[in-house]
């Protein structure tokens, strides 16, 4: 069986499941991900206009 994330091959589905839990954890670690809606808006600098700056 092959891991759909890293293409590593395993003898059976049990080994594949163990690998995924260990190497590609999902779900429980959502708190460590950035939340785009929680990021502060960043101010962009004023555009540079030739002859005006």
PDB file of N, CA and C in Angstrom:
ATOM      1  N   UNK A   1       0.851  -1.177   0.000  1.00  0.00           N
ATOM      2  CA  UNK A   1       0.000   0.000   0.000  1.00  0.00           C
ATOM      3  C   UNK A   1       0.894   1.238   0.000  1.00  0.00           C
ATOM      4  N   UNK A   2       0.402   2.300  -0.619  1.00  0.00           N
ATOM      5  CA  UNK A   2       1.191   3.509  -0.786  1.00  0.00           C
ATOM      6  C   UNK A   2       0.511   4.680  -0.070  1.00  0.00           C
ATOM      7  N   UNK A   3       1.315   5.485   0.617  1.00  0.00           N
ATOM      8  CA  UNK A   3       0.810   6.689   1.279  1.00  0.00           C
ATOM      9  C   UNK A   3       0.443   7.715   0.211  1.00  0.00           C
ATOM     10  N   UNK A   4      -0.775   8.224   0.281  1.00  0.00           N
ATOM     11  CA  UNK A   4      -1.225   9.191  -0.717  1.00  0.00           C
ATOM     12  C   UNK A   4      -0.622  10.580  -0.506  1.00  0.00           C
ATOM     13  N   UNK A   5       0.087  10.767   0.591  1.00  0.00           N
ATOM     14  CA  UNK A   5       0.689  12.066   0.874  1.00  0.00           C
ATOM     15  C   UNK A   5       2.157  12.114   0.441  1.00  0.00           C
ATOM     16  N   UNK A   6       2.925  11.064   0.810  1.00  0.00           N
ATOM     17  CA  UNK A   6       4.364  11.092   0.510  1.00  0.00           C
ATOM     18  C   UNK A   6       4.814   9.964  -0.421  1.00  0.00           C
ATOM     19  N   UNK A   7       3.878   9.121  -0.853  1.00  0.00           N
ATOM     20  CA  UNK A   7       4.160   8.018  -1.778  1.00  0.00           C
ATOM     21  C   UNK A   7       5.077   6.932  -1.220  1.00  0.00           C
ATOM     22  N   UNK A   8       5.289   6.902   0.097  1.00  0.00           N
ATOM     23  CA  UNK A   8       6.067   5.816   0.695  1.00  0.00           C
ATOM     24  C   UNK A   8       5.221   4.546   0.683  1.00  0.00           C
ATOM     25  N   UNK A   9       5.860   3.408   0.457  1.00  0.00           N
ATOM     26  CA  UNK A   9       5.127   2.149   0.351  1.00  0.00           C
ATOM     27  C   UNK A   9       5.167   1.373   1.662  1.00  0.00           C
ATOM     28  N   UNK A  10       4.055   0.654   1.969  1.00  0.00           N
ATOM     29  CA  UNK A  10       3.918  -0.137   3.181  1.00  0.00           C
ATOM     30  C   UNK A  10       3.323  -1.493   2.851  1.00  0.00           C
ATOM     31  N   UNK A  11       3.598  -2.476   3.710  1.00  0.00           N
ATOM     32  CA  UNK A  11       3.182  -3.857   3.465  1.00  0.00           C
ATOM     33  C   UNK A  11       1.672  -4.033   3.567  1.00  0.00           C
ATOM     34  N   UNK A  12       1.030  -3.241   4.443  1.00  0.00           N
ATOM     35  CA  UNK A  12      -0.417  -3.410   4.631  1.00  0.00           C
ATOM     36  C   UNK A  12      -1.046  -2.119   5.140  1.00  0.00           C
ATOM     37  N   UNK A  13      -2.368  -2.129   5.244  1.00  0.00           N
ATOM     38  CA  UNK A  13      -3.096  -0.919   5.639  1.00  0.00           C
ATOM     39  C   UNK A  13      -2.832  -0.536   7.091  1.00  0.00           C
ATOM     40  N   UNK A  14      -2.536  -1.504   7.934  1.00  0.00           N
ATOM     41  CA  UNK A  14      -2.253  -1.194   9.342  1.00  0.00           C
ATOM     42  C   UNK A  14      -0.964  -0.390   9.445  1.00  0.00           C
ATOM     43  N   UNK A  15       0.061  -0.838   8.738  1.00  0.00           N
ATOM     44  CA  UNK A  15       1.332  -0.099   8.726  1.00  0.00           C
ATOM     45  C   UNK A  15       1.147   1.293   8.120  1.00  0.00           C
ATOM     46  N   UNK A  16       0.342   1.381   7.078  1.00  0.00           N
ATOM     47  CA  UNK A  16       0.065   2.667   6.442  1.00  0.00           C
ATOM     48  C   UNK A  16      -0.644   3.608   7.412  1.00  0.00           C
ATOM     49  N   UNK A  17      -1.636   3.080   8.130  1.00  0.00           N
ATOM     50  CA  UNK A  17      -2.361   3.904   9.113  1.00  0.00           C
ATOM     51  C   UNK A  17      -1.426   4.391  10.214  1.00  0.00           C
ATOM     52  N   UNK A  18      -0.548   3.527  10.705  1.00  0.00           N
ATOM     53  CA  UNK A  18       0.419   3.926  11.742  1.00  0.00           C
ATOM     54  C   UNK A  18       1.326   5.039  11.212  1.00  0.00           C
ATOM     55  N   UNK A  19       1.777   4.861   9.975  1.00  0.00           N
ATOM     56  CA  UNK A  19       2.640   5.872   9.341  1.00  0.00           C
ATOM     57  C   UNK A  19       1.928   7.215   9.260  1.00  0.00           C
ATOM     58  N   UNK A  20       0.688   7.196   8.800  1.00  0.00           N
ATOM     59  CA  UNK A  20      -0.055   8.456   8.645  1.00  0.00           C
ATOM     60  C   UNK A  20      -0.257   9.144   9.985  1.00  0.00           C
ATOM     61  N   UNK A  21      -0.575   8.373  11.022  1.00  0.00           N
ATOM     62  CA  UNK A  21      -0.756   8.969  12.352  1.00  0.00           C
ATOM     63  C   UNK A  21       0.537   9.600  12.851  1.00  0.00           C
ATOM     64  N   UNK A  22       1.648   8.944  12.577  1.00  0.00           N
ATOM     65  CA  UNK A  22       2.945   9.408  13.075  1.00  0.00           C
ATOM     66  C   UNK A  22       3.526  10.530  12.226  1.00  0.00           C
ATOM     67  N   UNK A  23       3.463  10.394  10.904  1.00  0.00           N
ATOM     68  CA  UNK A  23       4.138  11.331  10.010  1.00  0.00           C
ATOM     69  C   UNK A  23       3.247  12.436   9.435  1.00  0.00           C
ATOM     70  N   UNK A  24       1.965  12.176   9.337  1.00  0.00           N
ATOM     71  CA  UNK A  24       1.049  13.150   8.732  1.00  0.00           C
ATOM     72  C   UNK A  24      -0.183  13.327   9.622  1.00  0.00           C
ATOM     73  N   UNK A  25      -0.003  13.789  10.860  1.00  0.00           N
ATOM     74  CA  UNK A  25      -1.159  13.911  11.765  1.00  0.00           C
ATOM     75  C   UNK A  25      -2.145  14.954  11.249  1.00  0.00           C
ATOM     76  N   UNK A  26      -3.412  14.657  11.413  1.00  0.00           N
ATOM     77  CA  UNK A  26      -4.475  15.555  10.979  1.00  0.00           C
ATOM     78  C   UNK A  26      -5.485  15.726  12.098  1.00  0.00           C
ATOM     79  N   UNK A  27      -6.266  16.794  12.041  1.00  0.00           N
ATOM     80  CA  UNK A  27      -7.394  16.963  12.941  1.00  0.00           C
ATOM     81  C   UNK A  27      -7.045  17.581  14.275  1.00  0.00           C
ATOM     82  N   UNK A  28      -6.339  16.860  15.130  1.00  0.00           N
ATOM     83  CA  UNK A  28      -6.104  17.326  16.491  1.00  0.00           C
ATOM     84  C   UNK A  28      -5.166  18.512  16.568  1.00  0.00           C
ATOM     85  N   UNK A  29      -4.345  18.727  15.563  1.00  0.00           N
ATOM     86  CA  UNK A  29      -3.356  19.804  15.606  1.00  0.00           C
ATOM     87  C   UNK A  29      -3.838  21.083  14.933  1.00  0.00           C
ATOM     88  N   UNK A  30      -5.145  21.230  14.727  1.00  0.00           N
ATOM     89  CA  UNK A  30      -5.672  22.424  14.061  1.00  0.00           C
ATOM     90  C   UNK A  30      -5.332  23.705  14.805  1.00  0.00           C
ATOM     91  N   UNK A  31      -5.105  23.623  16.123  1.00  0.00           N
ATOM     92  CA  UNK A  31      -4.788  24.818  16.891  1.00  0.00           C
ATOM     93  C   UNK A  31      -3.439  25.406  16.497  1.00  0.00           C
ATOM     94  N   UNK A  32      -2.571  24.601  15.890  1.00  0.00           N
ATOM     95  CA  UNK A  32      -1.247  25.077  15.503  1.00  0.00           C
ATOM     96  C   UNK A  32      -1.237  25.745  14.136  1.00  0.00           C
ATOM     97  N   UNK A  33      -2.356  25.681  13.426  1.00  0.00           N
ATOM     98  CA  UNK A  33      -2.418  26.271  12.097  1.00  0.00           C
ATOM     99  C   UNK A  33      -2.776  27.746  12.184  1.00  0.00           C
ATOM    100  N   UNK A  34      -2.313  28.507  11.227  1.00  0.00           N
ATOM    101  CA  UNK A  34      -2.695  29.914  11.173  1.00  0.00           C
ATOM    102  C   UNK A  34      -4.156  30.017  10.779  1.00  0.00           C
ATOM    103  N   UNK A  35      -4.846  30.952  11.374  1.00  0.00           N
ATOM    104  CA  UNK A  35      -6.245  31.177  11.052  1.00  0.00           C
ATOM    105  C   UNK A  35      -6.332  32.487  10.277  1.00  0.00           C
ATOM    106  N   UNK A  36      -6.566  32.426   8.954  1.00  0.00           N
ATOM    107  CA  UNK A  36      -6.554  33.639   8.130  1.00  0.00           C
ATOM    108  C   UNK A  36      -7.503  34.712   8.634  1.00  0.00           C
ATOM    109  N   UNK A  37      -8.641  34.336   9.200  1.00  0.00           N
ATOM    110  CA  UNK A  37      -9.589  35.338   9.670  1.00  0.00           C
ATOM    111  C   UNK A  37      -9.117  36.023  10.951  1.00  0.00           C
ATOM    112  N   UNK A  38      -8.073  35.483  11.583  1.00  0.00           N
ATOM    113  CA  UNK A  38      -7.571  36.073  12.820  1.00  0.00           C
ATOM    114  C   UNK A  38      -6.339  36.951  12.572  1.00  0.00           C
ATOM    115  N   UNK A  39      -5.828  36.956  11.354  1.00  0.00           N
ATOM    116  CA  UNK A  39      -4.664  37.771  11.055  1.00  0.00           C
ATOM    117  C   UNK A  39      -5.071  39.239  10.964  1.00  0.00           C
ATOM    118  N   UNK A  40      -4.211  40.098  11.446  1.00  0.00           N
ATOM    119  CA  UNK A  40      -4.496  41.525  11.380  1.00  0.00           C
ATOM    120  C   UNK A  40      -4.257  42.032   9.967  1.00  0.00           C
ATOM    121  N   UNK A  41      -5.083  42.979   9.556  1.00  0.00           N
ATOM    122  CA  UNK A  41      -4.869  43.603   8.252  1.00  0.00           C
ATOM    123  C   UNK A  41      -3.578  44.401   8.309  1.00  0.00           C
ATOM    124  N   UNK A  42      -2.773  44.246   7.291  1.00  0.00           N
ATOM    125  CA  UNK A  42      -1.521  44.982   7.237  1.00  0.00           C
ATOM    126  C   UNK A  42      -1.690  46.178   6.316  1.00  0.00           C
ATOM    127  N   UNK A  43      -1.190  47.317   6.794  1.00  0.00           N
ATOM    128  CA  UNK A  43      -1.272  48.522   5.965  1.00  0.00           C
ATOM    129  C   UNK A  43      -0.238  48.451   4.864  1.00  0.00           C
ATOM    130  N   UNK A  44      -0.653  48.765   3.664  1.00  0.00           N
ATOM    131  CA  UNK A  44       0.265  48.816   2.537  1.00  0.00           C
ATOM    132  C   UNK A  44       0.852  50.219   2.450  1.00  0.00           C
ATOM    133  N   UNK A  45       2.129  50.321   2.081  1.00  0.00           N
ATOM    134  CA  UNK A  45       2.712  51.660   1.935  1.00  0.00           C
ATOM    135  C   UNK A  45       2.064  52.369   0.744  1.00  0.00           C
ATOM    136  N   UNK A  46       2.061  53.701   0.822  1.00  0.00           N
ATOM    137  CA  UNK A  46       1.502  54.489  -0.265  1.00  0.00           C
ATOM    138  C   UNK A  46       2.281  54.207  -1.554  1.00  0.00           C
ATOM    139  N   UNK A  47       1.592  54.166  -2.671  1.00  0.00           N
ATOM    140  CA  UNK A  47       2.297  53.889  -3.925  1.00  0.00           C
ATOM    141  C   UNK A  47       3.250  55.038  -4.288  1.00  0.00           C
ATOM    142  N   UNK A  48       4.336  54.691  -4.931  1.00  0.00           N
ATOM    143  CA  UNK A  48       5.304  55.683  -5.375  1.00  0.00           C
ATOM    144  C   UNK A  48       4.877  56.168  -6.760  1.00  0.00           C
ATOM    145  N   UNK A  49       4.672  57.470  -6.865  1.00  0.00           N
ATOM    146  CA  UNK A  49       4.250  58.062  -8.131  1.00  0.00           C
ATOM    147  C   UNK A  49       5.423  58.891  -8.645  1.00  0.00           C
ATOM    148  N   UNK A  50       5.985  58.533  -9.798  1.00  0.00           N
ATOM    149  CA  UNK A  50       7.130  59.279 -10.327  1.00  0.00           C
ATOM    150  C   UNK A  50       6.787  60.757 -10.497  1.00  0.00           C
ATOM    151  N   UNK A  51       7.688  61.613 -10.046  1.00  0.00           N
ATOM    152  CA  UNK A  51       7.514  63.067 -10.184  1.00  0.00           C
ATOM    153  C   UNK A  51       6.699  63.686  -9.061  1.00  0.00           C
ATOM    154  N   UNK A  52       6.089  62.877  -8.230  1.00  0.00           N
ATOM    155  CA  UNK A  52       5.266  63.421  -7.149  1.00  0.00           C
ATOM    156  C   UNK A  52       5.895  63.183  -5.783  1.00  0.00           C
ATOM    157  N   UNK A  53       6.896  62.286  -5.698  1.00  0.00           N
ATOM    158  CA  UNK A  53       7.496  61.988  -4.382  1.00  0.00           C
ATOM    159  C   UNK A  53       8.827  62.653  -4.254  1.00  0.00           C
TER     160      UNK A  53
END
